[in-house]
Amino acid sequence: MFGAWRRGMMNWSRDRRVWMALGLCGLLLAGISAQGADEATVKLYQAKCASCHAADGSGTSVVGKALKVRDFRDPEAQKISDADLTTLIAKGKDKMPGNEKTLKPEQIKTLVAYTRELARKK
């Protein structure tokens, strides 16, 4: 009688360990992907934005200083909504060119997220 119960408990314990291990792997993978922008996004930022806004988003590149661009990492700049940043990247403003013809909406969305990430690195 107790032998069947004991085997059932052992199976339950093993199943629980397997599920916990799978859950832990999932959390680790989620942490790795949330840790930073992917290589494609970084390269896209470098190609489209860094010449003016600098690699770190500070706006301290030679061109950025001449144009007096904003520091992405500034708390005031971070108050701009994602929707407004998306429009700004797509349509451009003042001397900043629009990118809606050269970038896909998903690429613009990743650039918005990357500017938020740069602010957290400050």
PDB file of N, CA and C in Angstrom:
ATOM      1  N   MET A   1       0.814  -1.191   0.000  1.00  0.00           N
ATOM      2  CA  MET A   1       0.000   0.000   0.000  1.00  0.00           C
ATOM      3  C   MET A   1       0.866   1.268   0.000  1.00  0.00           C
ATOM      4  N   PHE A   2       1.805   1.317   0.906  1.00  0.00           N
ATOM      5  CA  PHE A   2       2.658   2.505   0.978  1.00  0.00           C
ATOM      6  C   PHE A   2       3.677   2.555  -0.146  1.00  0.00           C
ATOM      7  N   GLY A   3       3.980   1.395  -0.742  1.00  0.00           N
ATOM      8  CA  GLY A   3       4.938   1.352  -1.843  1.00  0.00           C
ATOM      9  C   GLY A   3       4.446   2.138  -3.052  1.00  0.00           C
ATOM     10  N   ALA A   4       3.176   1.993  -3.392  1.00  0.00           N
ATOM     11  CA  ALA A   4       2.592   2.725  -4.528  1.00  0.00           C
ATOM     12  C   ALA A   4       2.554   4.217  -4.227  1.00  0.00           C
ATOM     13  N   TRP A   5       2.211   4.533  -2.994  1.00  0.00           N
ATOM     14  CA  TRP A   5       2.161   5.956  -2.601  1.00  0.00           C
ATOM     15  C   TRP A   5       3.558   6.573  -2.691  1.00  0.00           C
ATOM     16  N   ARG A   6       4.547   5.808  -2.235  1.00  0.00           N
ATOM     17  CA  ARG A   6       5.918   6.304  -2.233  1.00  0.00           C
ATOM     18  C   ARG A   6       6.418   6.510  -3.666  1.00  0.00           C
ATOM     19  N   ARG A   7       6.143   5.556  -4.573  1.00  0.00           N
ATOM     20  CA  ARG A   7       6.537   5.713  -5.975  1.00  0.00           C
ATOM     21  C   ARG A   7       5.855   6.934  -6.588  1.00  0.00           C
ATOM     22  N   GLY A   8       4.607   7.147  -6.247  1.00  0.00           N
ATOM     23  CA  GLY A   8       3.877   8.322  -6.741  1.00  0.00           C
ATOM     24  C   GLY A   8       4.516   9.616  -6.256  1.00  0.00           C
ATOM     25  N   MET A   9       4.927   9.645  -5.001  1.00  0.00           N
ATOM     26  CA  MET A   9       5.580  10.828  -4.438  1.00  0.00           C
ATOM     27  C   MET A   9       6.936  11.070  -5.101  1.00  0.00           C
ATOM     28  N   MET A  10       7.644   9.995  -5.404  1.00  0.00           N
ATOM     29  CA  MET A  10       8.942  10.148  -6.054  1.00  0.00           C
ATOM     30  C   MET A  10       8.765  10.697  -7.467  1.00  0.00           C
ATOM     31  N   ASN A  11       7.772  10.206  -8.177  1.00  0.00           N
ATOM     32  CA  ASN A  11       7.502  10.727  -9.517  1.00  0.00           C
ATOM     33  C   ASN A  11       7.094  12.194  -9.445  1.00  0.00           C
ATOM     34  N   TRP A  12       6.265  12.535  -8.469  1.00  0.00           N
ATOM     35  CA  TRP A  12       5.823  13.921  -8.310  1.00  0.00           C
ATOM     36  C   TRP A  12       7.022  14.815  -8.023  1.00  0.00           C
ATOM     37  N   SER A  13       7.924  14.338  -7.166  1.00  0.00           N
ATOM     38  CA  SER A  13       9.105  15.113  -6.811  1.00  0.00           C
ATOM     39  C   SER A  13      10.004  15.315  -8.033  1.00  0.00           C
ATOM     40  N   ARG A  14      10.192  14.237  -8.816  1.00  0.00           N
ATOM     41  CA  ARG A  14      11.012  14.345 -10.024  1.00  0.00           C
ATOM     42  C   ARG A  14      10.368  15.303 -11.022  1.00  0.00           C
ATOM     43  N   ASP A  15       9.061  15.179 -11.232  1.00  0.00           N
ATOM     44  CA  ASP A  15       8.356  16.068 -12.152  1.00  0.00           C
ATOM     45  C   ASP A  15       8.484  17.524 -11.709  1.00  0.00           C
ATOM     46  N   ARG A  16       8.373  17.734 -10.433  1.00  0.00           N
ATOM     47  CA  ARG A  16       8.498  19.096  -9.894  1.00  0.00           C
ATOM     48  C   ARG A  16       9.889  19.667 -10.163  1.00  0.00           C
ATOM     49  N   ARG A  17      10.912  18.855  -9.997  1.00  0.00           N
ATOM     50  CA  ARG A  17      12.290  19.311 -10.255  1.00  0.00           C
ATOM     51  C   ARG A  17      12.483  19.658 -11.730  1.00  0.00           C
ATOM     52  N   VAL A  18      11.899  18.838 -12.605  1.00  0.00           N
ATOM     53  CA  VAL A  18      12.013  19.106 -14.043  1.00  0.00           C
ATOM     54  C   VAL A  18      11.349  20.434 -14.381  1.00  0.00           C
ATOM     55  N   TRP A  19      10.139  20.645 -13.866  1.00  0.00           N
ATOM     56  CA  TRP A  19       9.434  21.898 -14.155  1.00  0.00           C
ATOM     57  C   TRP A  19      10.165  23.110 -13.576  1.00  0.00           C
ATOM     58  N   MET A  20      10.737  22.934 -12.395  1.00  0.00           N
ATOM     59  CA  MET A  20      11.498  24.045 -11.800  1.00  0.00           C
ATOM     60  C   MET A  20      12.732  24.358 -12.641  1.00  0.00           C
ATOM     61  N   ALA A  21      13.400  23.325 -13.136  1.00  0.00           N
ATOM     62  CA  ALA A  21      14.590  23.538 -13.973  1.00  0.00           C
ATOM     63  C   ALA A  21      14.210  24.239 -15.279  1.00  0.00           C
ATOM     64  N   LEU A  22      13.104  23.810 -15.873  1.00  0.00           N
ATOM     65  CA  LEU A  22      12.644  24.469 -17.106  1.00  0.00           C
ATOM     66  C   LEU A  22      12.277  25.926 -16.840  1.00  0.00           C
ATOM     67  N   GLY A  23      11.618  26.182 -15.737  1.00  0.00           N
ATOM     68  CA  GLY A  23      11.251  27.562 -15.387  1.00  0.00           C
ATOM     69  C   GLY A  23      12.483  28.425 -15.161  1.00  0.00           C
ATOM     70  N   LEU A  24      13.464  27.872 -14.491  1.00  0.00           N
ATOM     71  CA  LEU A  24      14.708  28.602 -14.240  1.00  0.00           C
ATOM     72  C   LEU A  24      15.430  28.919 -15.543  1.00  0.00           C
ATOM     73  N   CYS A  25      15.467  27.961 -16.462  1.00  0.00           N
ATOM     74  CA  CYS A  25      16.081  28.207 -17.773  1.00  0.00           C
ATOM     75  C   CYS A  25      15.352  29.329 -18.505  1.00  0.00           C
ATOM     76  N   GLY A  26      14.028  29.319 -18.427  1.00  0.00           N
ATOM     77  CA  GLY A  26      13.244  30.373 -19.068  1.00  0.00           C
ATOM     78  C   GLY A  26      13.557  31.743 -18.489  1.00  0.00           C
ATOM     79  N   LEU A  27      13.672  31.809 -17.167  1.00  0.00           N
ATOM     80  CA  LEU A  27      14.002  33.085 -16.530  1.00  0.00           C
ATOM     81  C   LEU A  27      15.393  33.559 -16.928  1.00  0.00           C
ATOM     82  N   LEU A  28      16.340  32.637 -16.997  1.00  0.00           N
ATOM     83  CA  LEU A  28      17.695  33.016 -17.405  1.00  0.00           C
ATOM     84  C   LEU A  28      17.715  33.537 -18.837  1.00  0.00           C
ATOM     85  N   LEU A  29      17.003  32.868 -19.725  1.00  0.00           N
ATOM     86  CA  LEU A  29      16.961  33.321 -21.116  1.00  0.00           C
ATOM     87  C   LEU A  29      16.282  34.675 -21.231  1.00  0.00           C
ATOM     88  N   ALA A  30      15.226  34.886 -20.466  1.00  0.00           N
ATOM     89  CA  ALA A  30      14.548  36.185 -20.487  1.00  0.00           C
ATOM     90  C   ALA A  30      15.479  37.279 -19.975  1.00  0.00           C
ATOM     91  N   GLY A  31      16.253  36.966 -18.953  1.00  0.00           N
ATOM     92  CA  GLY A  31      17.202  37.942 -18.416  1.00  0.00           C
ATOM     93  C   GLY A  31      18.288  38.297 -19.404  1.00  0.00           C
ATOM     94  N   ILE A  32      18.749  37.308 -20.139  1.00  0.00           N
ATOM     95  CA  ILE A  32      19.783  37.569 -21.135  1.00  0.00           C
ATOM     96  C   ILE A  32      19.240  38.465 -22.244  1.00  0.00           C
ATOM     97  N   SER A  33      18.038  38.213 -22.736  1.00  0.00           N
ATOM     98  CA  SER A  33      17.498  39.013 -23.825  1.00  0.00           C
ATOM     99  C   SER A  33      17.123  40.411 -23.361  1.00  0.00           C
ATOM    100  N   ALA A  34      16.752  40.559 -22.080  1.00  0.00           N
ATOM    101  CA  ALA A  34      16.387  41.874 -21.582  1.00  0.00           C
ATOM    102  C   ALA A  34      17.612  42.685 -21.177  1.00  0.00           C
ATOM    103  N   GLN A  35      18.762  42.028 -21.138  1.00  0.00           N
ATOM    104  CA  GLN A  35      19.967  42.664 -20.652  1.00  0.00           C
ATOM    105  C   GLN A  35      20.442  43.800 -21.550  1.00  0.00           C
ATOM    106  N   GLY A  36      20.207  43.728 -22.813  1.00  0.00           N
ATOM    107  CA  GLY A  36      20.666  44.775 -23.691  1.00  0.00           C
ATOM    108  C   GLY A  36      20.127  44.601 -25.089  1.00  0.00           C
ATOM    109  N   ALA A  37      20.351  45.622 -25.878  1.00  0.00           N
ATOM    110  CA  ALA A  37      19.876  45.605 -27.258  1.00  0.00           C
ATOM    111  C   ALA A  37      20.655  44.568 -28.063  1.00  0.00           C
ATOM    112  N   ASP A  38      19.985  44.023 -29.047  1.00  0.00           N
ATOM    113  CA  ASP A  38      20.671  43.063 -29.898  1.00  0.00           C
ATOM    114  C   ASP A  38      21.647  43.793 -30.819  1.00  0.00           C
ATOM    115  N   GLU A  39      22.511  43.026 -31.424  1.00  0.00           N
ATOM    116  CA  GLU A  39      23.570  43.591 -32.260  1.00  0.00           C
ATOM    117  C   GLU A  39      23.015  44.400 -33.432  1.00  0.00           C
ATOM    118  N   ALA A  40      21.905  43.926 -34.019  1.00  0.00           N
ATOM    119  CA  ALA A  40      21.305  44.630 -35.158  1.00  0.00           C
ATOM    120  C   ALA A  40      20.828  46.017 -34.755  1.00  0.00           C
ATOM    121  N   THR A  41      20.252  46.132 -33.562  1.00  0.00           N
ATOM    122  CA  THR A  41      19.771  47.437 -33.093  1.00  0.00           C
ATOM    123  C   THR A  41      20.937  48.381 -32.833  1.00  0.00           C
ATOM    124  N   VAL A  42      21.984  47.871 -32.227  1.00  0.00           N
ATOM    125  CA  VAL A  42      23.166  48.701 -31.960  1.00  0.00           C
ATOM    126  C   VAL A  42      23.769  49.190 -33.278  1.00  0.00           C
ATOM    127  N   LYS A  43      23.883  48.301 -34.254  1.00  0.00           N
ATOM    128  CA  LYS A  43      24.427  48.693 -35.562  1.00  0.00           C
ATOM    129  C   LYS A  43      23.518  49.712 -36.253  1.00  0.00           C
ATOM    130  N   LEU A  44      22.206  49.526 -36.116  1.00  0.00           N
ATOM    131  CA  LEU A  44      21.253  50.472 -36.703  1.00  0.00           C
ATOM    132  C   LEU A  44      21.403  51.843 -36.057  1.00  0.00           C
ATOM    133  N   TYR A  45      21.526  51.869 -34.734  1.00  0.00           N
ATOM    134  CA  TYR A  45      21.741  53.138 -34.020  1.00  0.00           C
ATOM    135  C   TYR A  45      23.039  53.794 -34.477  1.00  0.00           C
ATOM    136  N   GLN A  46      24.088  53.000 -34.578  1.00  0.00           N
ATOM    137  CA  GLN A  46      25.380  53.545 -35.007  1.00  0.00           C
ATOM    138  C   GLN A  46      25.288  54.131 -36.418  1.00  0.00           C
ATOM    139  N   ALA A  47      24.537  53.478 -37.295  1.00  0.00           N
ATOM    140  CA  ALA A  47      24.425  53.934 -38.684  1.00  0.00           C
ATOM    141  C   ALA A  47      23.534  55.153 -38.829  1.00  0.00           C
ATOM    142  N   LYS A  48      22.455  55.216 -38.072  1.00  0.00           N
ATOM    143  CA  LYS A  48      21.453  56.266 -38.275  1.00  0.00           C
ATOM    144  C   LYS A  48      21.504  57.399 -37.257  1.00  0.00           C
ATOM    145  N   CYS A  49      22.040  57.141 -36.076  1.00  0.00           N
ATOM    146  CA  CYS A  49      21.889  58.123 -34.993  1.00  0.00           C
ATOM    147  C   CYS A  49      23.196  58.609 -34.373  1.00  0.00           C
ATOM    148  N   ALA A  50      24.175  57.713 -34.261  1.00  0.00           N
ATOM    149  CA  ALA A  50      25.374  58.019 -33.479  1.00  0.00           C
ATOM    150  C   ALA A  50      26.200  59.176 -34.027  1.00  0.00           C
ATOM    151  N   SER A  51      26.143  59.434 -35.321  1.00  0.00           N
ATOM    152  CA  SER A  51      26.958  60.526 -35.860  1.00  0.00           C
ATOM    153  C   SER A  51      26.573  61.870 -35.248  1.00  0.00           C
ATOM    154  N   CYS A  52      25.336  62.019 -34.873  1.00  0.00           N
ATOM    155  CA  CYS A  52      24.900  63.257 -34.214  1.00  0.00           C
ATOM    156  C   CYS A  52      24.723  63.073 -32.707  1.00  0.00           C
ATOM    157  N   HIS A  53      24.096  61.968 -32.327  1.00  0.00           N
ATOM    158  CA  HIS A  53      23.726  61.778 -30.925  1.00  0.00           C
ATOM    159  C   HIS A  53      24.800  61.083 -30.106  1.00  0.00           C
ATOM    160  N   ALA A  54      25.900  60.659 -30.716  1.00  0.00           N
ATOM    161  CA  ALA A  54      27.028  59.972 -30.079  1.00  0.00           C
ATOM    162  C   ALA A  54      26.633  58.548 -29.700  1.00  0.00           C
ATOM    163  N   ALA A  55      27.624  57.709 -29.559  1.00  0.00           N
ATOM    164  CA  ALA A  55      27.390  56.291 -29.278  1.00  0.00           C
ATOM    165  C   ALA A  55      26.645  56.072 -27.965  1.00  0.00           C
ATOM    166  N   ASP A  56      26.873  56.975 -27.012  1.00  0.00           N
ATOM    167  CA  ASP A  56      26.226  56.819 -25.708  1.00  0.00           C
ATOM    168  C   ASP A  56      24.943  57.636 -25.561  1.00  0.00           C
ATOM    169  N   GLY A  57      24.523  58.324 -26.629  1.00  0.00           N
ATOM    170  CA  GLY A  57      23.291  59.122 -26.571  1.00  0.00           C
ATOM    171  C   GLY A  57      23.462  60.503 -25.970  1.00  0.00           C
ATOM    172  N   SER A  58      24.686  60.887 -25.670  1.00  0.00           N
ATOM    173  CA  SER A  58      24.946  62.158 -24.986  1.00  0.00           C
ATOM    174  C   SER A  58      24.863  63.377 -25.900  1.00  0.00           C
ATOM    175  N   GLY A  59      24.963  63.157 -27.211  1.00  0.00           N
ATOM    176  CA  GLY A  59      24.943  64.278 -28.146  1.00  0.00           C
ATOM    177  C   GLY A  59      26.262  65.007 -28.219  1.00  0.00           C
ATOM    178  N   THR A  60      27.321  64.389 -27.723  1.00  0.00           N
ATOM    179  CA  THR A  60      28.617  65.075 -27.649  1.00  0.00           C
ATOM    180  C   THR A  60      29.530  64.792 -28.831  1.00  0.00           C
ATOM    181  N   SER A  61      28.977  64.253 -29.901  1.00  0.00           N
ATOM    182  CA  SER A  61      29.796  64.079 -31.103  1.00  0.00           C
ATOM    183  C   SER A  61      30.077  65.460 -31.696  1.00  0.00           C
ATOM    184  N   VAL A  62      31.011  65.530 -32.614  1.00  0.00           N
ATOM    185  CA  VAL A  62      31.347  66.814 -33.240  1.00  0.00           C
ATOM    186  C   VAL A  62      30.105  67.409 -33.901  1.00  0.00           C
ATOM    187  N   VAL A  63      29.398  66.595 -34.665  1.00  0.00           N
ATOM    188  CA  VAL A  63      28.180  67.068 -35.341  1.00  0.00           C
ATOM    189  C   VAL A  63      27.106  67.408 -34.312  1.00  0.00           C
ATOM    190  N   GLY A  64      26.966  66.559 -33.306  1.00  0.00           N
ATOM    191  CA  GLY A  64      25.968  66.789 -32.267  1.00  0.00           C
ATOM    192  C   GLY A  64      26.179  68.104 -31.531  1.00  0.00           C
ATOM    193  N   LYS A  65      27.425  68.414 -31.225  1.00  0.00           N
ATOM    194  CA  LYS A  65      27.736  69.684 -30.557  1.00  0.00           C
ATOM    195  C   LYS A  65      27.400  70.866 -31.465  1.00  0.00           C
ATOM    196  N   ALA A  66      27.734  70.740 -32.741  1.00  0.00           N
ATOM    197  CA  ALA A  66      27.462  71.826 -33.690  1.00  0.00           C
ATOM    198  C   ALA A  66      25.953  72.064 -33.846  1.00  0.00           C
ATOM    199  N   LEU A  67      25.183  70.963 -33.833  1.00  0.00           N
ATOM    200  CA  LEU A  67      23.729  71.085 -33.991  1.00  0.00           C
ATOM    201  C   LEU A  67      23.000  71.293 -32.670  1.00  0.00           C
ATOM    202  N   LYS A  68      23.749  71.186 -31.567  1.00  0.00           N
ATOM    203  CA  LYS A  68      23.178  71.322 -30.220  1.00  0.00           C
ATOM    204  C   LYS A  68      22.039  70.333 -29.996  1.00  0.00           C
ATOM    205  N   VAL A  69      22.330  69.046 -30.307  1.00  0.00           N
ATOM    206  CA  VAL A  69      21.311  68.024 -30.115  1.00  0.00           C
ATOM    207  C   VAL A  69      21.167  67.692 -28.638  1.00  0.00           C
ATOM    208  N   ARG A  70      20.002  67.176 -28.303  1.00  0.00           N
ATOM    209  CA  ARG A  70      19.706  66.816 -26.927  1.00  0.00           C
ATOM    210  C   ARG A  70      20.422  65.545 -26.502  1.00  0.00           C
ATOM    211  N   ASP A  71      20.718  65.490 -25.226  1.00  0.00           N
ATOM    212  CA  ASP A  71      21.238  64.277 -24.604  1.00  0.00           C
ATOM    213  C   ASP A  71      20.043  63.360 -24.343  1.00  0.00           C
ATOM    214  N   PHE A  72      20.018  62.178 -24.968  1.00  0.00           N
ATOM    215  CA  PHE A  72      18.925  61.222 -24.751  1.00  0.00           C
ATOM    216  C   PHE A  72      18.785  60.848 -23.290  1.00  0.00           C
ATOM    217  N   ARG A  73      19.893  60.894 -22.575  1.00  0.00           N
ATOM    218  CA  ARG A  73      19.925  60.419 -21.201  1.00  0.00           C
ATOM    219  C   ARG A  73      19.375  61.433 -20.217  1.00  0.00           C
ATOM    220  N   ASP A  74      19.146  62.642 -20.673  1.00  0.00           N
ATOM    221  CA  ASP A  74      18.620  63.703 -19.831  1.00  0.00           C
ATOM    222  C   ASP A  74      17.200  63.356 -19.374  1.00  0.00           C
ATOM    223  N   PRO A  75      16.880  63.567 -18.101  1.00  0.00           N
ATOM    224  CA  PRO A  75      15.531  63.254 -17.616  1.00  0.00           C
ATOM    225  C   PRO A  75      14.425  63.966 -18.403  1.00  0.00           C
ATOM    226  N   GLU A  76      14.679  65.173 -18.862  1.00  0.00           N
ATOM    227  CA  GLU A  76      13.671  65.892 -19.653  1.00  0.00           C
ATOM    228  C   GLU A  76      13.430  65.212 -20.996  1.00  0.00           C
ATOM    229  N   ALA A  77      14.496  64.732 -21.608  1.00  0.00           N
ATOM    230  CA  ALA A  77      14.347  64.028 -22.878  1.00  0.00           C
ATOM    231  C   ALA A  77      13.614  62.707 -22.672  1.00  0.00           C
ATOM    232  N   GLN A  78      13.825  62.082 -21.543  1.00  0.00           N
ATOM    233  CA  GLN A  78      13.171  60.810 -21.263  1.00  0.00           C
ATOM    234  C   GLN A  78      11.680  60.957 -20.959  1.00  0.00           C
ATOM    235  N   LYS A  79      11.238  62.169 -20.724  1.00  0.00           N
ATOM    236  CA  LYS A  79       9.804  62.409 -20.497  1.00  0.00           C
ATOM    237  C   LYS A  79       8.999  62.363 -21.800  1.00  0.00           C
ATOM    238  N   ILE A  80       9.679  62.430 -22.931  1.00  0.00           N
ATOM    239  CA  ILE A  80       8.999  62.349 -24.226  1.00  0.00           C
ATOM    240  C   ILE A  80       8.428  60.942 -24.369  1.00  0.00           C
ATOM    241  N   SER A  81       7.173  60.854 -24.751  1.00  0.00           N
ATOM    242  CA  SER A  81       6.521  59.546 -24.859  1.00  0.00           C
ATOM    243  C   SER A  81       7.124  58.717 -25.997  1.00  0.00           C
ATOM    244  N   ASP A  82       6.932  57.415 -25.909  1.00  0.00           N
ATOM    245  CA  ASP A  82       7.410  56.525 -26.969  1.00  0.00           C
ATOM    246  C   ASP A  82       6.752  56.870 -28.298  1.00  0.00           C
ATOM    247  N   ALA A  83       5.470  57.223 -28.250  1.00  0.00           N
ATOM    248  CA  ALA A  83       4.750  57.580 -29.482  1.00  0.00           C
ATOM    249  C   ALA A  83       5.363  58.825 -30.117  1.00  0.00           C
ATOM    250  N   ASP A  84       5.697  59.818 -29.304  1.00  0.00           N
ATOM    251  CA  ASP A  84       6.299  61.044 -29.835  1.00  0.00           C
ATOM    252  C   ASP A  84       7.714  60.790 -30.368  1.00  0.00           C
ATOM    253  N   LEU A  85       8.479  59.933 -29.677  1.00  0.00           N
ATOM    254  CA  LEU A  85       9.812  59.583 -30.172  1.00  0.00           C
ATOM    255  C   LEU A  85       9.726  58.817 -31.488  1.00  0.00           C
ATOM    256  N   THR A  86       8.746  57.948 -31.578  1.00  0.00           N
ATOM    257  CA  THR A  86       8.540  57.190 -32.809  1.00  0.00           C
ATOM    258  C   THR A  86       8.262  58.138 -33.967  1.00  0.00           C
ATOM    259  N   THR A  87       7.386  59.117 -33.735  1.00  0.00           N
ATOM    260  CA  THR A  87       7.069  60.108 -34.759  1.00  0.00           C
ATOM    261  C   THR A  87       8.293  60.940 -35.099  1.00  0.00           C
ATOM    262  N   LEU A  88       9.051  61.318 -34.104  1.00  0.00           N
ATOM    263  CA  LEU A  88      10.252  62.123 -34.313  1.00  0.00           C
ATOM    264  C   LEU A  88      11.278  61.387 -35.174  1.00  0.00           C
ATOM    265  N   ILE A  89      11.481  60.110 -34.884  1.00  0.00           N
ATOM    266  CA  ILE A  89      12.437  59.328 -35.671  1.00  0.00           C
ATOM    267  C   ILE A  89      11.905  59.128 -37.090  1.00  0.00           C
ATOM    268  N   ALA A  90      10.623  58.879 -37.204  1.00  0.00           N
ATOM    269  CA  ALA A  90      10.029  58.623 -38.528  1.00  0.00           C
ATOM    270  C   ALA A  90       9.977  59.887 -39.385  1.00  0.00           C
ATOM    271  N   LYS A  91       9.491  60.974 -38.828  1.00  0.00           N
ATOM    272  CA  LYS A  91       9.261  62.201 -39.601  1.00  0.00           C
ATOM    273  C   LYS A  91      10.436  63.173 -39.581  1.00  0.00           C
ATOM    274  N   GLY A  92      11.254  63.095 -38.511  1.00  0.00           N
ATOM    275  CA  GLY A  92      12.335  64.054 -38.377  1.00  0.00           C
ATOM    276  C   GLY A  92      11.831  65.354 -37.765  1.00  0.00           C
ATOM    277  N   LYS A  93      12.754  66.249 -37.468  1.00  0.00           N
ATOM    278  CA  LYS A  93      12.394  67.550 -36.903  1.00  0.00           C
ATOM    279  C   LYS A  93      13.595  68.477 -37.048  1.00  0.00           C
ATOM    280  N   ASP A  94      13.326  69.690 -37.454  1.00  0.00           N
ATOM    281  CA  ASP A  94      14.390  70.672 -37.673  1.00  0.00           C
ATOM    282  C   ASP A  94      15.468  70.077 -38.584  1.00  0.00           C
ATOM    283  N   LYS A  95      16.700  69.945 -38.074  1.00  0.00           N
ATOM    284  CA  LYS A  95      17.786  69.430 -38.917  1.00  0.00           C
ATOM    285  C   LYS A  95      17.894  67.905 -38.887  1.00  0.00           C
ATOM    286  N   MET A  96      17.066  67.264 -38.061  1.00  0.00           N
ATOM    287  CA  MET A  96      17.089  65.802 -38.012  1.00  0.00           C
ATOM    288  C   MET A  96      16.248  65.245 -39.157  1.00  0.00           C
ATOM    289  N   PRO A  97      16.861  64.409 -39.999  1.00  0.00           N
ATOM    290  CA  PRO A  97      16.100  63.850 -41.127  1.00  0.00           C
ATOM    291  C   PRO A  97      15.114  62.778 -40.662  1.00  0.00           C
ATOM    292  N   GLY A  98      14.040  62.649 -41.400  1.00  0.00           N
ATOM    293  CA  GLY A  98      13.077  61.585 -41.139  1.00  0.00           C
ATOM    294  C   GLY A  98      13.596  60.254 -41.660  1.00  0.00           C
ATOM    295  N   ASN A  99      13.128  59.188 -41.072  1.00  0.00           N
ATOM    296  CA  ASN A  99      13.603  57.859 -41.455  1.00  0.00           C
ATOM    297  C   ASN A  99      12.481  56.922 -41.872  1.00  0.00           C
ATOM    298  N   GLU A 100      11.275  57.448 -42.051  1.00  0.00           N
ATOM    299  CA  GLU A 100      10.154  56.556 -42.344  1.00  0.00           C
ATOM    300  C   GLU A 100      10.279  55.862 -43.696  1.00  0.00           C
ATOM    301  N   LYS A 101      11.043  56.432 -44.619  1.00  0.00           N
ATOM    302  CA  LYS A 101      11.212  55.796 -45.929  1.00  0.00           C
ATOM    303  C   LYS A 101      12.345  54.771 -45.945  1.00  0.00           C
ATOM    304  N   THR A 102      13.241  54.872 -44.974  1.00  0.00           N
ATOM    305  CA  THR A 102      14.391  53.970 -44.966  1.00  0.00           C
ATOM    306  C   THR A 102      14.334  52.919 -43.862  1.00  0.00           C
ATOM    307  N   LEU A 103      13.474  53.115 -42.872  1.00  0.00           N
ATOM    308  CA  LEU A 103      13.371  52.167 -41.768  1.00  0.00           C
ATOM    309  C   LEU A 103      11.963  51.594 -41.679  1.00  0.00           C
ATOM    310  N   LYS A 104      11.882  50.358 -41.276  1.00  0.00           N
ATOM    311  CA  LYS A 104      10.590  49.714 -41.030  1.00  0.00           C
ATOM    312  C   LYS A 104      10.071  50.189 -39.667  1.00  0.00           C
ATOM    313  N   PRO A 105       8.752  50.180 -39.471  1.00  0.00           N
ATOM    314  CA  PRO A 105       8.207  50.588 -38.164  1.00  0.00           C
ATOM    315  C   PRO A 105       8.820  49.812 -36.989  1.00  0.00           C
ATOM    316  N   GLU A 106       9.094  48.542 -37.186  1.00  0.00           N
ATOM    317  CA  GLU A 106       9.691  47.742 -36.112  1.00  0.00           C
ATOM    318  C   GLU A 106      11.103  48.229 -35.786  1.00  0.00           C
ATOM    319  N   GLN A 107      11.852  48.657 -36.786  1.00  0.00           N
ATOM    320  CA  GLN A 107      13.202  49.183 -36.550  1.00  0.00           C
ATOM    321  C   GLN A 107      13.131  50.493 -35.767  1.00  0.00           C
ATOM    322  N   ILE A 108      12.171  51.324 -36.094  1.00  0.00           N
ATOM    323  CA  ILE A 108      11.999  52.585 -35.363  1.00  0.00           C
ATOM    324  C   ILE A 108      11.646  52.289 -33.910  1.00  0.00           C
ATOM    325  N   LYS A 109      10.793  51.307 -33.704  1.00  0.00           N
ATOM    326  CA  LYS A 109      10.404  50.917 -32.346  1.00  0.00           C
ATOM    327  C   LYS A 109      11.627  50.445 -31.548  1.00  0.00           C
ATOM    328  N   THR A 110      12.521  49.685 -32.189  1.00  0.00           N
ATOM    329  CA  THR A 110      13.713  49.227 -31.481  1.00  0.00           C
ATOM    330  C   THR A 110      14.655  50.387 -31.165  1.00  0.00           C
ATOM    331  N   LEU A 111      14.703  51.394 -32.039  1.00  0.00           N
ATOM    332  CA  LEU A 111      15.528  52.570 -31.745  1.00  0.00           C
ATOM    333  C   LEU A 111      14.976  53.349 -30.555  1.00  0.00           C
ATOM    334  N   VAL A 112      13.667  53.451 -30.465  1.00  0.00           N
ATOM    335  CA  VAL A 112      13.049  54.113 -29.304  1.00  0.00           C
ATOM    336  C   VAL A 112      13.446  53.370 -28.031  1.00  0.00           C
ATOM    337  N   ALA A 113      13.322  52.050 -28.050  1.00  0.00           N
ATOM    338  CA  ALA A 113      13.693  51.255 -26.875  1.00  0.00           C
ATOM    339  C   ALA A 113      15.174  51.415 -26.550  1.00  0.00           C
ATOM    340  N   TYR A 114      16.001  51.498 -27.582  1.00  0.00           N
ATOM    341  CA  TYR A 114      17.441  51.642 -27.358  1.00  0.00           C
ATOM    342  C   TYR A 114      17.772  52.992 -26.726  1.00  0.00           C
ATOM    343  N   THR A 115      17.067  54.050 -27.108  1.00  0.00           N
ATOM    344  CA  THR A 115      17.328  55.344 -26.470  1.00  0.00           C
ATOM    345  C   THR A 115      16.958  55.282 -24.990  1.00  0.00           C
ATOM    346  N   ARG A 116      15.932  54.520 -24.648  1.00  0.00           N
ATOM    347  CA  ARG A 116      15.571  54.348 -23.231  1.00  0.00           C
ATOM    348  C   ARG A 116      16.671  53.571 -22.495  1.00  0.00           C
ATOM    349  N   GLU A 117      17.228  52.589 -23.184  1.00  0.00           N
ATOM    350  CA  GLU A 117      18.304  51.791 -22.602  1.00  0.00           C
ATOM    351  C   GLU A 117      19.543  52.654 -22.360  1.00  0.00           C
ATOM    352  N   LEU A 118      19.869  53.538 -23.279  1.00  0.00           N
ATOM    353  CA  LEU A 118      21.024  54.417 -23.107  1.00  0.00           C
ATOM    354  C   LEU A 118      20.848  55.295 -21.877  1.00  0.00           C
ATOM    355  N   ALA A 119      19.626  55.733 -21.625  1.00  0.00           N
ATOM    356  CA  ALA A 119      19.368  56.565 -20.448  1.00  0.00           C
ATOM    357  C   ALA A 119      19.612  55.786 -19.161  1.00  0.00           C
ATOM    358  N   ARG A 120      19.283  54.512 -19.161  1.00  0.00           N
ATOM    359  CA  ARG A 120      19.487  53.695 -17.952  1.00  0.00           C
ATOM    360  C   ARG A 120      20.979  53.438 -17.714  1.00  0.00           C
ATOM    361  N   LYS A 121      21.791  53.500 -18.755  1.00  0.00           N
ATOM    362  CA  LYS A 121      23.232  53.252 -18.623  1.00  0.00           C
ATOM    363  C   LYS A 121      23.983  54.458 -18.099  1.00  0.00           C
ATOM    364  N   LYS A 122      23.361  55.605 -18.095  1.00  0.00           N
ATOM    365  CA  LYS A 122      24.039  56.849 -17.689  1.00  0.00           C
ATOM    366  C   LYS A 122      24.496  56.776 -16.255  1.00  0.00           C
TER     367      LYS A 122
END
